[in-house]
C-alpha atoms as a PDB file:
ATOM      1  CA  MET A   1       0.000   0.000   0.000  1.00  0.00           C
ATOM      2  CA  LEU A   2       1.240   3.489  -0.928  1.00  0.00           C
ATOM      3  CA  ILE A   3       0.562   6.302   1.547  1.00  0.00           C
ATOM      4  CA  GLU A   4       1.091   9.925   0.556  1.00  0.00           C
ATOM      5  CA  PHE A   5       2.095  12.306   3.309  1.00  0.00           C
ATOM      6  CA  GLU A   6       3.548  15.691   4.147  1.00  0.00           C
ATOM      7  CA  LYS A   7       6.133  16.339   6.832  1.00  0.00           C
ATOM      8  CA  TYR A   8       5.552  19.377   9.062  1.00  0.00           C
ATOM      9  CA  GLN A   9       7.348  21.007  11.945  1.00  0.00           C
ATOM     10  CA  GLY A  10       6.330  23.615  14.490  1.00  0.00           C
ATOM     11  CA  THR A  11       9.363  24.976  16.370  1.00  0.00           C
ATOM     12  CA  GLY A  12      11.112  21.646  15.884  1.00  0.00           C
ATOM     13  CA  ASN A  13       8.168  19.484  16.957  1.00  0.00           C
ATOM     14  CA  ASP A  14       7.716  17.372  13.818  1.00  0.00           C
ATOM     15  CA  PHE A  15       4.721  15.489  12.454  1.00  0.00           C
ATOM     16  CA  ILE A  16       3.616  13.276   9.582  1.00  0.00           C
ATOM     17  CA  MET A  17       0.439  14.704   8.014  1.00  0.00           C
ATOM     18  CA  VAL A  18      -1.937  12.450   6.081  1.00  0.00           C
ATOM     19  CA  ASP A  19      -5.055  13.677   4.282  1.00  0.00           C
ATOM     20  CA  HIS A  20      -7.506  10.992   5.402  1.00  0.00           C
ATOM     21  CA  ARG A  21     -10.790  12.668   4.404  1.00  0.00           C
ATOM     22  CA  ASP A  22     -11.709  10.352   1.533  1.00  0.00           C
ATOM     23  CA  ALA A  23     -10.040   7.132   2.610  1.00  0.00           C
ATOM     24  CA  SER A  24      -9.756   4.682   5.480  1.00  0.00           C
ATOM     25  CA  PHE A  25      -6.359   3.145   4.768  1.00  0.00           C
ATOM     26  CA  ILE A  26      -4.893   3.886   8.203  1.00  0.00           C
ATOM     27  CA  SER A  27      -6.758   2.263  11.062  1.00  0.00           C
ATOM     28  CA  HIS A  28      -6.819   4.269  14.288  1.00  0.00           C
ATOM     29  CA  ASP A  29      -5.915   1.010  16.044  1.00  0.00           C
ATOM     30  CA  ASP A  30      -2.909   0.117  13.879  1.00  0.00           C
ATOM     31  CA  GLU A  31      -0.198   1.026  16.383  1.00  0.00           C
ATOM     32  CA  ALA A  32       2.443  -1.004  14.498  1.00  0.00           C
ATOM     33  CA  LEU A  33       1.930   0.897  11.232  1.00  0.00           C
ATOM     34  CA  ILE A  34       1.858   4.328  12.858  1.00  0.00           C
ATOM     35  CA  SER A  35       4.923   3.680  15.032  1.00  0.00           C
ATOM     36  CA  PHE A  36       6.758   2.360  11.943  1.00  0.00           C
ATOM     37  CA  MET A  37       5.984   5.520   9.979  1.00  0.00           C
ATOM     38  CA  CYS A  38       7.219   7.650  12.897  1.00  0.00           C
ATOM     39  CA  ASP A  39      10.429   5.635  13.309  1.00  0.00           C
ATOM     40  CA  ARG A  40      13.444   7.828  12.475  1.00  0.00           C
ATOM     41  CA  ARG A  41      15.560   4.938  11.195  1.00  0.00           C
ATOM     42  CA  PHE A  42      13.150   2.604   9.412  1.00  0.00           C
ATOM     43  CA  GLY A  43      10.259   4.937   8.568  1.00  0.00           C
ATOM     44  CA  ILE A  44       9.712   8.625   7.830  1.00  0.00           C
ATOM     45  CA  GLY A  45      10.535   9.849  11.305  1.00  0.00           C
ATOM     46  CA  ALA A  46       8.448  12.168  13.492  1.00  0.00           C
ATOM     47  CA  ASP A  47       7.318  12.980  17.017  1.00  0.00           C
ATOM     48  CA  GLY A  48       3.799  12.022  15.941  1.00  0.00           C
ATOM     49  CA  LEU A  49       1.373  11.332  13.104  1.00  0.00           C
ATOM     50  CA  ILE A  50      -1.770  13.363  12.414  1.00  0.00           C
ATOM     51  CA  LEU A  51      -4.750  12.374  10.289  1.00  0.00           C
ATOM     52  CA  LEU A  52      -6.823  15.128   8.674  1.00  0.00           C
ATOM     53  CA  GLU A  53     -10.367  13.780   8.636  1.00  0.00           C
ATOM     54  CA  LYS A  54     -13.868  15.044   7.928  1.00  0.00           C
ATOM     55  CA  SER A  55     -16.008  16.473  10.703  1.00  0.00           C
ATOM     56  CA  GLU A  56     -19.763  16.907  10.869  1.00  0.00           C
ATOM     57  CA  ILE A  57     -19.528  19.851  13.261  1.00  0.00           C
ATOM     58  CA  SER A  58     -16.473  21.815  12.095  1.00  0.00           C
ATOM     59  CA  ASP A  59     -14.151  22.464   9.147  1.00  0.00           C
ATOM     60  CA  PHE A  60     -12.127  19.306   9.776  1.00  0.00           C
ATOM     61  CA  SER A  61     -11.069  16.830  12.433  1.00  0.00           C
ATOM     62  CA  MET A  62      -7.590  16.237  13.873  1.00  0.00           C
ATOM     63  CA  VAL A  63      -6.682  12.701  14.959  1.00  0.00           C
ATOM     64  CA  TYR A  64      -3.307  12.660  16.709  1.00  0.00           C
ATOM     65  CA  PHE A  65      -0.989   9.749  17.484  1.00  0.00           C
ATOM     66  CA  ASN A  66       2.258   9.791  19.427  1.00  0.00           C
ATOM     67  CA  SER A  67       5.317   8.182  17.877  1.00  0.00           C
ATOM     68  CA  ASP A  68       4.596   4.988  19.831  1.00  0.00           C
ATOM     69  CA  GLY A  69       1.535   4.534  17.610  1.00  0.00           C
ATOM     70  CA  ARG A  70      -1.061   5.230  20.268  1.00  0.00           C
ATOM     71  CA  LYS A  71      -3.838   7.781  19.925  1.00  0.00           C
ATOM     72  CA  SER A  72      -3.013  10.578  22.309  1.00  0.00           C
ATOM     73  CA  SER A  73      -4.368  13.707  23.958  1.00  0.00           C
ATOM     74  CA  MET A  74      -4.259  17.196  22.458  1.00  0.00           C
ATOM     75  CA  CYS A  75      -1.060  18.382  20.777  1.00  0.00           C
ATOM     76  CA  GLY A  76      -0.669  22.163  20.515  1.00  0.00           C
ATOM     77  CA  ASN A  77       2.063  22.318  17.898  1.00  0.00           C
ATOM     78  CA  GLY A  78       0.312  19.522  16.018  1.00  0.00           C
ATOM     79  CA  GLY A  79      -2.887  21.576  16.070  1.00  0.00           C
ATOM     80  CA  ARG A  80      -1.074  24.539  14.595  1.00  0.00           C
ATOM     81  CA  CYS A  81       0.556  22.351  11.933  1.00  0.00           C
ATOM     82  CA  ILE A  82      -2.640  20.611  10.850  1.00  0.00           C
ATOM     83  CA  SER A  83      -4.327  24.015  10.614  1.00  0.00           C
ATOM     84  CA  HIS A  84      -1.610  25.162   8.192  1.00  0.00           C
ATOM     85  CA  PHE A  85      -1.945  21.852   6.297  1.00  0.00           C
ATOM     86  CA  ALA A  86      -5.741  22.272   5.992  1.00  0.00           C
ATOM     87  CA  TRP A  87      -5.326  25.933   4.978  1.00  0.00           C
ATOM     88  CA  ARG A  88      -2.987  24.974   2.145  1.00  0.00           C
ATOM     89  CA  LYS A  89      -5.572  22.440   0.986  1.00  0.00           C
ATOM     90  CA  GLY A  90      -8.182  25.196   0.766  1.00  0.00           C
ATOM     91  CA  LEU A  91     -10.427  24.045   3.616  1.00  0.00           C
ATOM     92  CA  PHE A  92     -10.641  27.611   4.954  1.00  0.00           C
ATOM     93  CA  THR A  93      -9.286  31.088   4.257  1.00  0.00           C
ATOM     94  CA  THR A  94      -7.917  32.633   7.452  1.00  0.00           C
ATOM     95  CA  GLU A  95     -10.044  31.307  10.340  1.00  0.00           C
ATOM     96  CA  ALA A  96     -11.023  27.721  11.081  1.00  0.00           C
ATOM     97  CA  LEU A  97     -12.839  25.650  13.662  1.00  0.00           C
ATOM     98  CA  PHE A  98     -11.643  22.078  14.018  1.00  0.00           C
ATOM     99  CA  GLU A  99     -12.436  19.073  16.145  1.00  0.00           C
ATOM    100  CA  ALA A 100      -9.799  17.427  18.374  1.00  0.00           C
ATOM    101  CA  ILE A 101      -9.884  14.861  21.146  1.00  0.00           C
ATOM    102  CA  ASP A 102     -10.423  17.541  23.802  1.00  0.00           C
ATOM    103  CA  GLY A 103     -13.130  19.440  21.922  1.00  0.00           C
ATOM    104  CA  LEU A 104     -13.333  22.251  19.374  1.00  0.00           C
ATOM    105  CA  HIS A 105     -10.455  24.636  18.665  1.00  0.00           C
ATOM    106  CA  LYS A 106     -10.247  27.870  16.719  1.00  0.00           C
ATOM    107  CA  ALA A 107      -7.240  28.501  14.483  1.00  0.00           C
ATOM    108  CA  GLU A 108      -6.114  31.599  12.630  1.00  0.00           C
ATOM    109  CA  ILE A 109      -3.635  31.951   9.788  1.00  0.00           C
ATOM    110  CA  VAL A 110      -1.648  35.174  10.127  1.00  0.00           C
ATOM    111  CA  ASP A 111       0.751  36.968   7.771  1.00  0.00           C
ATOM    112  CA  ASN A 112       0.020  34.691   4.810  1.00  0.00           C
ATOM    113  CA  GLY A 113       0.849  31.515   6.672  1.00  0.00           C
ATOM    114  CA  LYS A 114       3.980  32.596   8.529  1.00  0.00           C
ATOM    115  CA  THR A 115       2.195  32.362  11.884  1.00  0.00           C
ATOM    116  CA  VAL A 116      -0.584  30.107  13.149  1.00  0.00           C
ATOM    117  CA  ARG A 117      -2.617  31.059  16.209  1.00  0.00           C
ATOM    118  CA  LEU A 118      -4.417  28.248  18.027  1.00  0.00           C
ATOM    119  CA  MET A 119      -7.022  28.737  20.754  1.00  0.00           C
ATOM    120  CA  MET A 120      -6.469  26.258  23.570  1.00  0.00           C
ATOM    121  CA  SER A 121      -9.063  24.971  26.027  1.00  0.00           C
ATOM    122  CA  ASP A 122      -9.872  27.100  29.067  1.00  0.00           C
ATOM    123  CA  LEU A 123      -8.232  26.124  32.341  1.00  0.00           C
ATOM    124  CA  SER A 124     -10.212  26.102  35.582  1.00  0.00           C
ATOM    125  CA  ARG A 125      -7.957  24.221  37.979  1.00  0.00           C
ATOM    126  CA  PHE A 126      -4.345  23.433  38.751  1.00  0.00           C
ATOM    127  CA  GLU A 127      -2.377  21.791  41.527  1.00  0.00           C
ATOM    128  CA  GLN A 128       0.780  22.956  43.263  1.00  0.00           C
ATOM    129  CA  PRO A 129       2.344  19.993  45.071  1.00  0.00           C
ATOM    130  CA  SER A 130       5.439  22.018  46.016  1.00  0.00           C
ATOM    131  CA  THR A 131       6.772  25.581  45.817  1.00  0.00           C
ATOM    132  CA  ASP A 132       8.222  25.278  42.313  1.00  0.00           C
ATOM    133  CA  VAL A 133       6.058  22.493  40.834  1.00  0.00           C
ATOM    134  CA  TYR A 134       2.666  22.928  39.143  1.00  0.00           C
ATOM    135  CA  LEU A 135       0.321  20.345  37.620  1.00  0.00           C
ATOM    136  CA  LEU A 136      -1.937  21.561  34.801  1.00  0.00           C
ATOM    137  CA  ASN A 137      -3.958  19.958  32.020  1.00  0.00           C
ATOM    138  CA  THR A 138      -3.868  22.111  28.876  1.00  0.00           C
ATOM    139  CA  GLY A 139      -5.342  19.411  26.658  1.00  0.00           C
ATOM    140  CA  SER A 140      -2.621  17.038  27.889  1.00  0.00           C
ATOM    141  CA  PRO A 141      -1.418  16.551  31.476  1.00  0.00           C
ATOM    142  CA  HIS A 142       1.710  18.504  32.382  1.00  0.00           C
ATOM    143  CA  TYR A 143       4.188  18.645  35.235  1.00  0.00           C
ATOM    144  CA  VAL A 144       5.925  22.053  35.286  1.00  0.00           C
ATOM    145  CA  GLU A 145       8.998  22.612  37.452  1.00  0.00           C
ATOM    146  CA  PHE A 146      10.768  25.967  37.791  1.00  0.00           C
ATOM    147  CA  MET A 147      14.542  25.709  38.134  1.00  0.00           C
ATOM    148  CA  ASP A 148      17.573  27.971  38.411  1.00  0.00           C
ATOM    149  CA  ALA A 149      19.241  26.090  35.521  1.00  0.00           C
ATOM    150  CA  MET A 150      18.127  23.432  33.060  1.00  0.00           C
ATOM    151  CA  PRO A 151      19.111  19.839  33.858  1.00  0.00           C
ATOM    152  CA  GLU A 152      21.980  18.549  31.730  1.00  0.00           C
ATOM    153  CA  GLU A 153      19.998  15.435  30.804  1.00  0.00           C
ATOM    154  CA  VAL A 154      16.359  16.397  30.228  1.00  0.00           C
ATOM    155  CA  LYS A 155      15.470  12.882  29.033  1.00  0.00           C
ATOM    156  CA  THR A 156      16.944  11.231  32.128  1.00  0.00           C
ATOM    157  CA  ARG A 157      15.441  13.583  34.681  1.00  0.00           C
ATOM    158  CA  GLY A 158      12.138  13.843  32.835  1.00  0.00           C
ATOM    159  CA  GLY A 159      11.882  10.068  32.545  1.00  0.00           C
ATOM    160  CA  ILE A 160      12.408   9.636  36.286  1.00  0.00           C
ATOM    161  CA  ILE A 161       9.443  11.936  36.984  1.00  0.00           C
ATOM    162  CA  ARG A 162       7.246  10.515  34.217  1.00  0.00           C
ATOM    163  CA  TYR A 163       7.752   6.923  35.488  1.00  0.00           C
ATOM    164  CA  SER A 164       7.577   7.763  39.184  1.00  0.00           C
ATOM    165  CA  PRO A 165       4.769   5.991  41.115  1.00  0.00           C
ATOM    166  CA  ALA A 166       2.568   9.101  41.020  1.00  0.00           C
ATOM    167  CA  TYR A 167       2.485   9.311  37.204  1.00  0.00           C
ATOM    168  CA  ALA A 168       3.642   5.976  35.763  1.00  0.00           C
ATOM    169  CA  ARG A 169       0.208   4.527  35.048  1.00  0.00           C
ATOM    170  CA  GLU A 170      -1.360   7.394  33.076  1.00  0.00           C
ATOM    171  CA  GLY A 171       1.858   9.151  32.121  1.00  0.00           C
ATOM    172  CA  ILE A 172       2.599  12.850  32.261  1.00  0.00           C
ATOM    173  CA  ASN A 173       4.576  15.337  30.187  1.00  0.00           C
ATOM    174  CA  VAL A 174       7.426  16.924  32.130  1.00  0.00           C
ATOM    175  CA  ASN A 175       8.493  20.546  31.604  1.00  0.00           C
ATOM    176  CA  PHE A 176      11.530  22.256  33.096  1.00  0.00           C
ATOM    177  CA  VAL A 177      11.372  26.063  33.134  1.00  0.00           C
ATOM    178  CA  THR A 178      13.880  28.819  33.776  1.00  0.00           C
ATOM    179  CA  ALA A 179      12.828  32.455  33.932  1.00  0.00           C
ATOM    180  CA  PRO A 180      15.906  34.729  33.668  1.00  0.00           C
ATOM    181  CA  SER A 181      13.989  37.991  34.171  1.00  0.00           C
ATOM    182  CA  SER A 182      10.581  39.526  33.574  1.00  0.00           C
ATOM    183  CA  LYS A 183      11.910  41.146  30.365  1.00  0.00           C
ATOM    184  CA  ASP A 184      13.223  37.917  28.799  1.00  0.00           C
ATOM    185  CA  PRO A 185      11.320  34.915  27.418  1.00  0.00           C
ATOM    186  CA  ILE A 186      10.942  31.991  29.769  1.00  0.00           C
ATOM    187  CA  ASN A 187      12.903  28.904  28.668  1.00  0.00           C
ATOM    188  CA  VAL A 188      11.146  25.542  28.480  1.00  0.00           C
ATOM    189  CA  CYS A 189      12.458  22.015  27.888  1.00  0.00           C
ATOM    190  CA  THR A 190       9.988  19.134  27.659  1.00  0.00           C
ATOM    191  CA  TYR A 191      10.028  15.361  28.057  1.00  0.00           C
ATOM    192  CA  GLU A 192       6.975  13.976  26.249  1.00  0.00           C
ATOM    193  CA  ARG A 193       5.125  10.825  27.169  1.00  0.00           C
ATOM    194  CA  GLY A 194       4.427   8.618  24.143  1.00  0.00           C
ATOM    195  CA  VAL A 195       7.611   9.890  22.520  1.00  0.00           C
ATOM    196  CA  GLU A 196       9.468   8.961  25.727  1.00  0.00           C
ATOM    197  CA  ASP A 197      12.189  11.452  24.992  1.00  0.00           C
ATOM    198  CA  GLU A 198      12.911  15.145  25.002  1.00  0.00           C
ATOM    199  CA  THR A 199      11.299  17.004  22.108  1.00  0.00           C
ATOM    200  CA  LEU A 200      12.490  20.323  20.729  1.00  0.00           C
ATOM    201  CA  SER A 201       9.146  21.897  21.558  1.00  0.00           C
ATOM    202  CA  CYS A 202       5.731  20.960  22.966  1.00  0.00           C
ATOM    203  CA  GLY A 203       2.747  23.241  22.393  1.00  0.00           C
ATOM    204  CA  THR A 204       0.614  22.117  25.328  1.00  0.00           C
ATOM    205  CA  GLY A 205       3.763  22.125  27.476  1.00  0.00           C
ATOM    206  CA  VAL A 206       4.631  25.666  26.452  1.00  0.00           C
ATOM    207  CA  THR A 207       1.056  26.690  27.257  1.00  0.00           C
ATOM    208  CA  ALA A 208       1.153  24.967  30.652  1.00  0.00           C
ATOM    209  CA  SER A 209       4.524  26.551  31.443  1.00  0.00           C
ATOM    210  CA  ALA A 210       3.323  30.046  30.503  1.00  0.00           C
ATOM    211  CA  LEU A 211       0.208  29.680  32.664  1.00  0.00           C
ATOM    212  CA  ALA A 212       2.282  28.313  35.549  1.00  0.00           C
ATOM    213  CA  TYR A 213       4.621  31.291  35.198  1.00  0.00           C
ATOM    214  CA  GLY A 214       1.638  33.618  35.500  1.00  0.00           C
ATOM    215  CA  ILE A 215       0.479  31.769  38.612  1.00  0.00           C
ATOM    216  CA  LYS A 216       3.951  31.880  40.147  1.00  0.00           C
ATOM    217  CA  LYS A 217       4.301  35.614  39.484  1.00  0.00           C
ATOM    218  CA  GLY A 218       0.736  36.447  40.543  1.00  0.00           C
ATOM    219  CA  LEU A 219      -0.232  37.840  37.131  1.00  0.00           C
ATOM    220  CA  PHE A 220      -3.887  38.640  36.430  1.00  0.00           C
ATOM    221  CA  GLY A 221      -5.771  40.116  33.497  1.00  0.00           C
ATOM    222  CA  ALA A 222      -4.583  39.910  29.884  1.00  0.00           C
ATOM    223  CA  GLN A 223      -1.066  38.494  29.567  1.00  0.00           C
ATOM    224  CA  GLU A 224       1.406  37.752  26.780  1.00  0.00           C
ATOM    225  CA  ILE A 225       4.224  35.347  27.666  1.00  0.00           C
ATOM    226  CA  GLU A 226       7.115  34.711  25.277  1.00  0.00           C
ATOM    227  CA  VAL A 227       8.557  31.220  25.480  1.00  0.00           C
ATOM    228  CA  GLN A 228      11.885  30.028  24.101  1.00  0.00           C
ATOM    229  CA  THR A 229      12.200  26.324  23.311  1.00  0.00           C
ATOM    230  CA  LYS A 230      15.125  24.487  21.746  1.00  0.00           C
ATOM    231  CA  GLY A 231      13.186  24.513  18.468  1.00  0.00           C
ATOM    232  CA  GLY A 232      12.226  28.178  18.430  1.00  0.00           C
ATOM    233  CA  LYS A 233      10.073  30.848  20.028  1.00  0.00           C
ATOM    234  CA  LEU A 234       6.343  30.724  20.769  1.00  0.00           C
ATOM    235  CA  THR A 235       3.953  33.184  22.389  1.00  0.00           C
ATOM    236  CA  VAL A 236       1.102  32.390  24.758  1.00  0.00           C
ATOM    237  CA  ASN A 237      -1.689  34.946  25.241  1.00  0.00           C
ATOM    238  CA  TYR A 238      -4.348  34.466  27.903  1.00  0.00           C
ATOM    239  CA  VAL A 239      -6.697  36.224  30.301  1.00  0.00           C
ATOM    240  CA  ARG A 240      -6.704  35.331  33.986  1.00  0.00           C
ATOM    241  CA  THR A 241      -9.884  36.489  35.671  1.00  0.00           C
ATOM    242  CA  GLY A 242      -9.500  34.616  38.955  1.00  0.00           C
ATOM    243  CA  ASP A 243      -7.161  32.344  40.866  1.00  0.00           C
ATOM    244  CA  ASN A 244      -8.346  29.299  38.874  1.00  0.00           C
ATOM    245  CA  SER A 245      -9.843  30.937  35.793  1.00  0.00           C
ATOM    246  CA  PHE A 246      -7.797  31.140  32.574  1.00  0.00           C
ATOM    247  CA  THR A 247      -9.639  31.926  29.343  1.00  0.00           C
ATOM    248  CA  ASP A 248      -8.940  33.165  25.814  1.00  0.00           C
ATOM    249  CA  ILE A 249      -5.725  31.105  25.708  1.00  0.00           C
ATOM    250  CA  TRP A 250      -3.870  31.305  22.387  1.00  0.00           C
ATOM    251  CA  LEU A 251      -0.689  29.477  21.346  1.00  0.00           C
ATOM    252  CA  CYS A 252       1.048  31.410  18.555  1.00  0.00           C
ATOM    253  CA  GLY A 253       4.043  30.673  16.366  1.00  0.00           C
ATOM    254  CA  PRO A 254       5.334  29.259  13.076  1.00  0.00           C
ATOM    255  CA  ALA A 255       4.216  26.028  11.386  1.00  0.00           C
ATOM    256  CA  MET A 256       6.052  24.900   8.267  1.00  0.00           C
ATOM    257  CA  GLN A 257       5.859  22.185   5.652  1.00  0.00           C
ATOM    258  CA  VAL A 258       9.261  20.488   5.413  1.00  0.00           C
ATOM    259  CA  PHE A 259       8.682  18.097   2.500  1.00  0.00           C
ATOM    260  CA  SER A 260       6.115  15.787   0.916  1.00  0.00           C
ATOM    261  CA  GLY A 261       6.446  12.206  -0.233  1.00  0.00           C
ATOM    262  CA  SER A 262       5.008   8.711  -0.245  1.00  0.00           C
ATOM    263  CA  ILE A 263       5.847   5.531   1.612  1.00  0.00           C
ATOM    264  CA  VAL A 264       5.127   1.883   0.780  1.00  0.00           C
ATOM    265  CA  VAL A 265       3.790  -0.054   3.770  1.00  0.00           C
END
């Protein structure tokens, strides 16, 4: 079987995009096929695979799989990339509404495709198990830890937390954050469950880290937080109206097609 695809990246978080609107050649349960396509040595290579499918309630549907082949929770950079993919296919002009596993999301194409803005789900609760650690679900569950300096081995330290007794069963994404000063972007490194490695960027992790930064600094009202990842810079805009009320959350940054091709499976 021949599968046509496009490769995308959003600040170094890379994805295989497949237009699956008029076909059913990739089963949502075929973990072996999806993990093979994501394999960086034997397949195409990616942090995840995304199917663009039809939706009865919006412009399109996003079905996201981690590189282990399993269907996963919301992916922020993946949402921005599939929006750019759908835009290039003519599914919308500048504004879209699409369906994802955690509900409906708005997306906007800005500056002729150079920037994609994605509205994330509102946040109404968080946990703070210790002074510098926050637990938030921004479409995916995230552990956010503020540090004076990044750990030398993000994969090692992140893996220890992800597989600790508290999180091993369901899994959690682990974010390490440094905040040099209020005038500089915060720095975020992320260990992603399902990829089981550090990724160059994580959209829901960047969002969680920006919200946690606002909580830590006691910021209320409309906020714009710049975030530097190893794969590039993103911006998170949000409005905090109460201690546990975060609305109008937007993840903004570049999404780019890298190449297109086909693979025999």
